[in-house]
Amino acid sequence: MRGHGNTRLIMLLEWACLDCDYGGHGNSFFGEGGYQTRRAQLRYTIRVLLAVVRTGNENVIQDLCDQGLIGSLLVVLKKYKDTDVPIELSILSNTLLILSVVCETDSHRKATFGDEGVDLLLQFLSLDSEKFSSGLGYHKLLLSSVNAIWCCVSFMNQDLFLERGGIPILLDLLEKCPPSMQNLVLGALLDLTEDARAVPHVVTWRGTGQKTAVSLLIELWRAEEHAMGVKRIGTI
């Protein structure tokens, strides 16, 4: 902080998000995926920021937030929200992880995440299920998005999340996501449904073949029993 390192990181982050022409050739290890763009610089700037916030030093994190870190990260999410390029998917995933760390324990930072952050998060949670196993990085992006529900949405932005269809989107995700992700989605749903206003969204949801939320949960229970080798007769 004495050397203005945070300021320089924020400036580098903002520079790397600009759309101006850049003459990088991307032909070195650290320049991979950055031909004629600033993606390589953005990728490593995001990684450095993630390492910095994970130190847990609240003074450093607060200084970054005071200099507009959250707003700059939302610009990154908006810039690459429709991408299918692996390096950009990696940038999105790490950006969401940074937001989760800085917003988790601070209501003011969650408020800064706000409407724009919730809308972007819902878009990531609505990914086509065919992309989950593509190997491009969508699985990691989904995991980062579910984690952001706990850290950036719960309590402070929960009303927005419910109003904009967050519960049906999570139930759709639960129905189509890989088994390895189901426990995380269920955990997020459990926290959200502690708010009584979320329950009608669960009750009215319909999935494939007009499946209800109760039917989906029973299917998951039985699938888990089968995977564990549990023997039962007739009922759950």
Protein backbone atom coordinates (compact mmCIF):
# COMPACT_ATOMS: atom_id res chain seq x y z
CA MET A 1 0.00 0.00 0.00
CA ARG A 2 2.87 2.39 0.74
CA GLY A 3 4.13 1.86 -2.80
CA HIS A 4 0.63 2.47 -4.25
CA GLY A 5 0.51 -1.12 -5.50
CA ASN A 6 -3.29 -1.26 -5.26
CA THR A 7 -3.64 1.89 -7.35
CA ARG A 8 -1.35 0.47 -10.01
CA LEU A 9 -3.28 -2.81 -10.11
CA ILE A 10 -6.60 -0.99 -10.56
CA MET A 11 -5.08 1.17 -13.32
CA LEU A 12 -3.71 -1.92 -15.07
CA LEU A 13 -7.10 -3.63 -14.75
CA GLU A 14 -8.89 -0.66 -16.31
CA TRP A 15 -6.30 -0.40 -19.09
CA ALA A 16 -6.63 -4.10 -19.91
CA CYS A 17 -10.42 -3.69 -20.29
CA LEU A 18 -10.12 -0.98 -22.95
CA ASP A 19 -11.14 -1.91 -26.50
CA CYS A 20 -8.39 0.13 -28.20
CA ASP A 21 -6.07 -1.65 -30.63
CA TYR A 22 -3.06 -3.29 -29.07
CA GLY A 23 -0.05 -4.75 -30.85
CA GLY A 24 0.62 -7.80 -28.68
CA HIS A 25 1.43 -11.00 -30.59
CA GLY A 26 0.64 -13.52 -27.85
CA ASN A 27 3.56 -15.74 -28.83
CA SER A 28 5.10 -16.23 -25.39
CA PHE A 29 3.96 -18.37 -22.48
CA PHE A 30 2.50 -15.41 -20.59
CA GLY A 31 1.01 -13.91 -23.74
CA GLU A 32 -0.98 -17.03 -24.65
CA GLY A 33 -4.42 -16.17 -26.00
CA GLY A 34 -3.63 -12.48 -26.22
CA TYR A 35 -2.88 -11.97 -29.91
CA GLN A 36 -3.75 -8.37 -30.89
CA THR A 37 -5.68 -7.96 -27.62
CA ARG A 38 -5.05 -7.19 -23.94
CA ARG A 39 -6.57 -10.43 -22.69
CA ALA A 40 -3.25 -11.87 -21.54
CA GLN A 41 -2.58 -8.81 -19.39
CA LEU A 42 -6.13 -8.88 -18.04
CA ARG A 43 -5.88 -12.58 -17.25
CA TYR A 44 -2.79 -12.18 -15.09
CA THR A 45 -3.98 -8.94 -13.49
CA ILE A 46 -7.11 -10.79 -12.35
CA ARG A 47 -4.96 -13.63 -11.00
CA VAL A 48 -2.80 -11.20 -9.03
CA LEU A 49 -5.89 -9.50 -7.59
CA LEU A 50 -7.31 -12.87 -6.57
CA ALA A 51 -4.09 -13.74 -4.77
CA VAL A 52 -4.11 -10.34 -3.03
CA VAL A 53 -7.68 -10.55 -1.72
CA ARG A 54 -7.18 -14.15 -0.61
CA THR A 55 -4.56 -12.99 1.87
CA GLY A 56 -7.50 -11.81 3.98
CA ASN A 57 -5.83 -8.48 4.76
CA GLU A 58 -8.90 -6.30 5.34
CA ASN A 59 -6.95 -3.03 5.04
CA VAL A 60 -5.70 -3.98 1.58
CA ILE A 61 -9.12 -5.22 0.47
CA GLN A 62 -10.83 -2.06 1.70
CA ASP A 63 -8.28 0.10 -0.07
CA LEU A 64 -8.93 -1.76 -3.33
CA CYS A 65 -12.70 -1.36 -2.92
CA ASP A 66 -12.33 2.34 -2.13
CA GLN A 67 -10.54 2.72 -5.47
CA GLY A 68 -13.41 1.13 -7.40
CA LEU A 69 -12.43 -2.53 -7.57
CA ILE A 70 -16.00 -3.87 -7.58
CA GLY A 71 -17.13 -1.53 -10.36
CA SER A 72 -14.09 -2.43 -12.47
CA LEU A 73 -14.75 -6.15 -11.99
CA LEU A 74 -18.37 -5.71 -13.07
CA VAL A 75 -17.04 -4.11 -16.26
CA VAL A 76 -14.96 -7.26 -16.85
CA LEU A 77 -18.02 -9.49 -16.35
CA LYS A 78 -20.08 -7.38 -18.74
CA LYS A 79 -17.32 -7.33 -21.36
CA TYR A 80 -17.05 -11.12 -21.61
CA LYS A 81 -20.53 -12.26 -20.55
CA ASP A 82 -21.33 -13.87 -23.94
CA THR A 83 -17.95 -15.46 -24.59
CA ASP A 84 -17.05 -19.04 -25.44
CA VAL A 85 -13.27 -18.47 -25.50
CA PRO A 86 -11.43 -20.50 -22.81
CA ILE A 87 -9.11 -17.67 -21.66
CA GLU A 88 -12.11 -15.33 -21.27
CA LEU A 89 -14.10 -17.97 -19.38
CA SER A 90 -11.13 -18.30 -17.02
CA ILE A 91 -11.14 -14.51 -16.54
CA LEU A 92 -14.86 -14.58 -15.71
CA SER A 93 -14.45 -17.40 -13.18
CA ASN A 94 -11.61 -15.70 -11.34
CA THR A 95 -13.42 -12.35 -11.40
CA LEU A 96 -16.43 -13.94 -9.68
CA LEU A 97 -14.12 -15.50 -7.09
CA ILE A 98 -12.63 -12.08 -6.30
CA LEU A 99 -16.10 -10.58 -5.91
CA SER A 100 -17.08 -13.44 -3.60
CA VAL A 101 -14.09 -12.84 -1.34
CA VAL A 102 -14.53 -9.07 -1.07
CA CYS A 103 -18.34 -9.09 -0.71
CA GLU A 104 -18.82 -12.04 1.62
CA THR A 105 -18.65 -10.20 4.95
CA ASP A 106 -19.45 -6.60 3.98
CA SER A 107 -23.01 -5.41 3.28
CA HIS A 108 -21.84 -2.15 1.67
CA ARG A 109 -19.81 -4.07 -0.91
CA LYS A 110 -22.79 -6.33 -1.60
CA ALA A 111 -24.86 -3.21 -2.22
CA THR A 112 -22.22 -2.04 -4.71
CA PHE A 113 -22.52 -5.43 -6.47
CA GLY A 114 -26.23 -4.58 -6.74
CA ASP A 115 -28.60 -4.83 -9.70
CA GLU A 116 -25.96 -5.09 -12.38
CA GLY A 117 -24.09 -7.87 -10.58
CA VAL A 118 -27.26 -9.88 -9.94
CA ASP A 119 -28.31 -9.65 -13.61
CA LEU A 120 -24.89 -10.85 -14.79
CA LEU A 121 -24.88 -13.67 -12.24
CA LEU A 122 -28.30 -14.88 -13.41
CA GLN A 123 -27.03 -14.94 -16.98
CA PHE A 124 -24.10 -17.17 -16.02
CA LEU A 125 -26.41 -19.49 -14.06
CA SER A 126 -28.61 -19.88 -17.16
CA LEU A 127 -25.91 -21.51 -19.31
CA ASP A 128 -26.87 -24.18 -21.82
CA SER A 129 -26.42 -27.60 -20.21
CA GLU A 130 -24.61 -28.89 -23.32
CA LYS A 131 -21.68 -26.63 -22.45
CA PHE A 132 -21.06 -28.17 -18.99
CA SER A 133 -18.78 -30.92 -20.27
CA SER A 134 -17.26 -29.00 -23.20
CA GLY A 135 -13.90 -28.67 -21.44
CA LEU A 136 -13.74 -24.95 -22.20
CA GLY A 137 -14.22 -23.78 -18.61
CA TYR A 138 -18.00 -23.47 -18.23
CA HIS A 139 -18.03 -25.92 -15.30
CA LYS A 140 -15.66 -23.69 -13.32
CA LEU A 141 -17.70 -20.62 -14.26
CA LEU A 142 -20.86 -22.26 -12.92
CA LEU A 143 -19.14 -23.21 -9.67
CA SER A 144 -17.90 -19.65 -9.24
CA SER A 145 -21.41 -18.36 -9.96
CA VAL A 146 -23.05 -20.61 -7.37
CA ASN A 147 -20.42 -19.56 -4.83
CA ALA A 148 -21.22 -15.91 -5.60
CA ILE A 149 -24.86 -16.51 -4.60
CA TRP A 150 -23.74 -17.15 -1.01
CA CYS A 151 -21.20 -14.34 -0.93
CA CYS A 152 -22.70 -11.57 -3.07
CA VAL A 153 -26.46 -12.18 -3.06
CA SER A 154 -27.61 -13.64 0.28
CA PHE A 155 -29.44 -11.13 2.50
CA MET A 156 -28.43 -7.82 0.90
CA ASN A 157 -29.34 -8.61 -2.76
CA GLN A 158 -31.74 -11.48 -2.13
CA ASP A 159 -34.86 -9.47 -3.02
CA LEU A 160 -33.43 -8.63 -6.43
CA PHE A 161 -32.42 -12.24 -7.00
CA LEU A 162 -35.94 -13.47 -6.22
CA GLU A 163 -37.68 -10.77 -8.27
CA ARG A 164 -35.62 -11.59 -11.35
CA GLY A 165 -36.36 -15.31 -11.33
CA GLY A 166 -33.33 -16.60 -9.46
CA ILE A 167 -35.11 -19.56 -7.83
CA PRO A 168 -36.50 -21.04 -11.09
CA ILE A 169 -33.09 -20.57 -12.71
CA LEU A 170 -31.40 -22.45 -9.85
CA LEU A 171 -33.97 -25.26 -10.05
CA ASP A 172 -33.39 -25.50 -13.81
CA LEU A 173 -29.67 -25.72 -13.08
CA LEU A 174 -30.24 -28.38 -10.42
CA GLU A 175 -32.20 -30.48 -12.90
CA LYS A 176 -29.52 -30.44 -15.60
CA CYS A 177 -26.18 -29.98 -13.79
CA PRO A 178 -23.67 -32.83 -13.21
CA PRO A 179 -24.07 -34.82 -9.93
CA SER A 180 -20.81 -33.33 -8.64
CA MET A 181 -22.43 -29.89 -8.59
CA GLN A 182 -25.86 -30.79 -7.21
CA ASN A 183 -24.90 -30.47 -3.53
CA LEU A 184 -23.69 -26.90 -4.10
CA VAL A 185 -26.84 -25.84 -5.92
CA LEU A 186 -28.98 -27.48 -3.22
CA GLY A 187 -27.03 -25.62 -0.55
CA ALA A 188 -27.68 -22.28 -2.27
CA LEU A 189 -31.37 -23.12 -2.62
CA LEU A 190 -31.56 -24.09 1.03
CA ASP A 191 -30.17 -20.74 2.15
CA LEU A 192 -32.46 -18.78 -0.18
CA THR A 193 -35.60 -20.64 0.86
CA GLU A 194 -35.09 -19.63 4.47
CA ASP A 195 -36.81 -16.49 3.21
CA ALA A 196 -40.54 -17.33 3.08
CA ARG A 197 -40.93 -15.25 -0.08
CA ALA A 198 -38.83 -17.78 -1.98
CA VAL A 199 -41.19 -20.70 -1.28
CA PRO A 200 -43.89 -19.75 -3.87
CA HIS A 201 -41.17 -19.66 -6.54
CA VAL A 202 -40.23 -23.24 -5.63
CA VAL A 203 -43.84 -24.46 -5.54
CA THR A 204 -44.75 -22.99 -8.94
CA TRP A 205 -41.60 -24.16 -10.76
CA ARG A 206 -42.02 -26.72 -13.53
CA GLY A 207 -39.18 -28.57 -15.17
CA THR A 208 -38.91 -31.05 -18.03
CA GLY A 209 -42.22 -32.82 -18.58
CA GLN A 210 -43.96 -30.51 -16.07
CA LYS A 211 -41.87 -31.98 -13.26
CA THR A 212 -42.36 -30.26 -9.88
CA ALA A 213 -39.65 -29.32 -7.42
CA VAL A 214 -40.80 -32.08 -5.06
CA SER A 215 -40.51 -34.68 -7.84
CA LEU A 216 -37.04 -33.43 -8.70
CA LEU A 217 -35.87 -33.64 -5.09
CA ILE A 218 -37.23 -37.18 -4.76
CA GLU A 219 -35.38 -38.18 -7.94
CA LEU A 220 -32.15 -36.76 -6.55
CA TRP A 221 -32.68 -38.58 -3.25
CA ARG A 222 -33.20 -41.91 -5.00
CA ALA A 223 -30.22 -41.36 -7.29
CA GLU A 224 -28.04 -40.65 -4.24
CA GLU A 225 -29.33 -43.77 -2.50
CA HIS A 226 -28.50 -45.82 -5.57
CA ALA A 227 -25.00 -44.35 -5.77
CA MET A 228 -24.41 -45.17 -2.09
CA GLY A 229 -25.83 -48.68 -2.41
CA VAL A 230 -28.64 -48.04 0.08
CA LYS A 231 -31.35 -50.67 0.08
CA ARG A 232 -34.92 -49.63 0.77
CA ILE A 233 -38.34 -51.17 0.32
CA GLY A 234 -41.16 -49.19 -1.24
CA THR A 235 -40.71 -45.69 0.16
CA ILE A 236 -37.95 -43.21 0.95
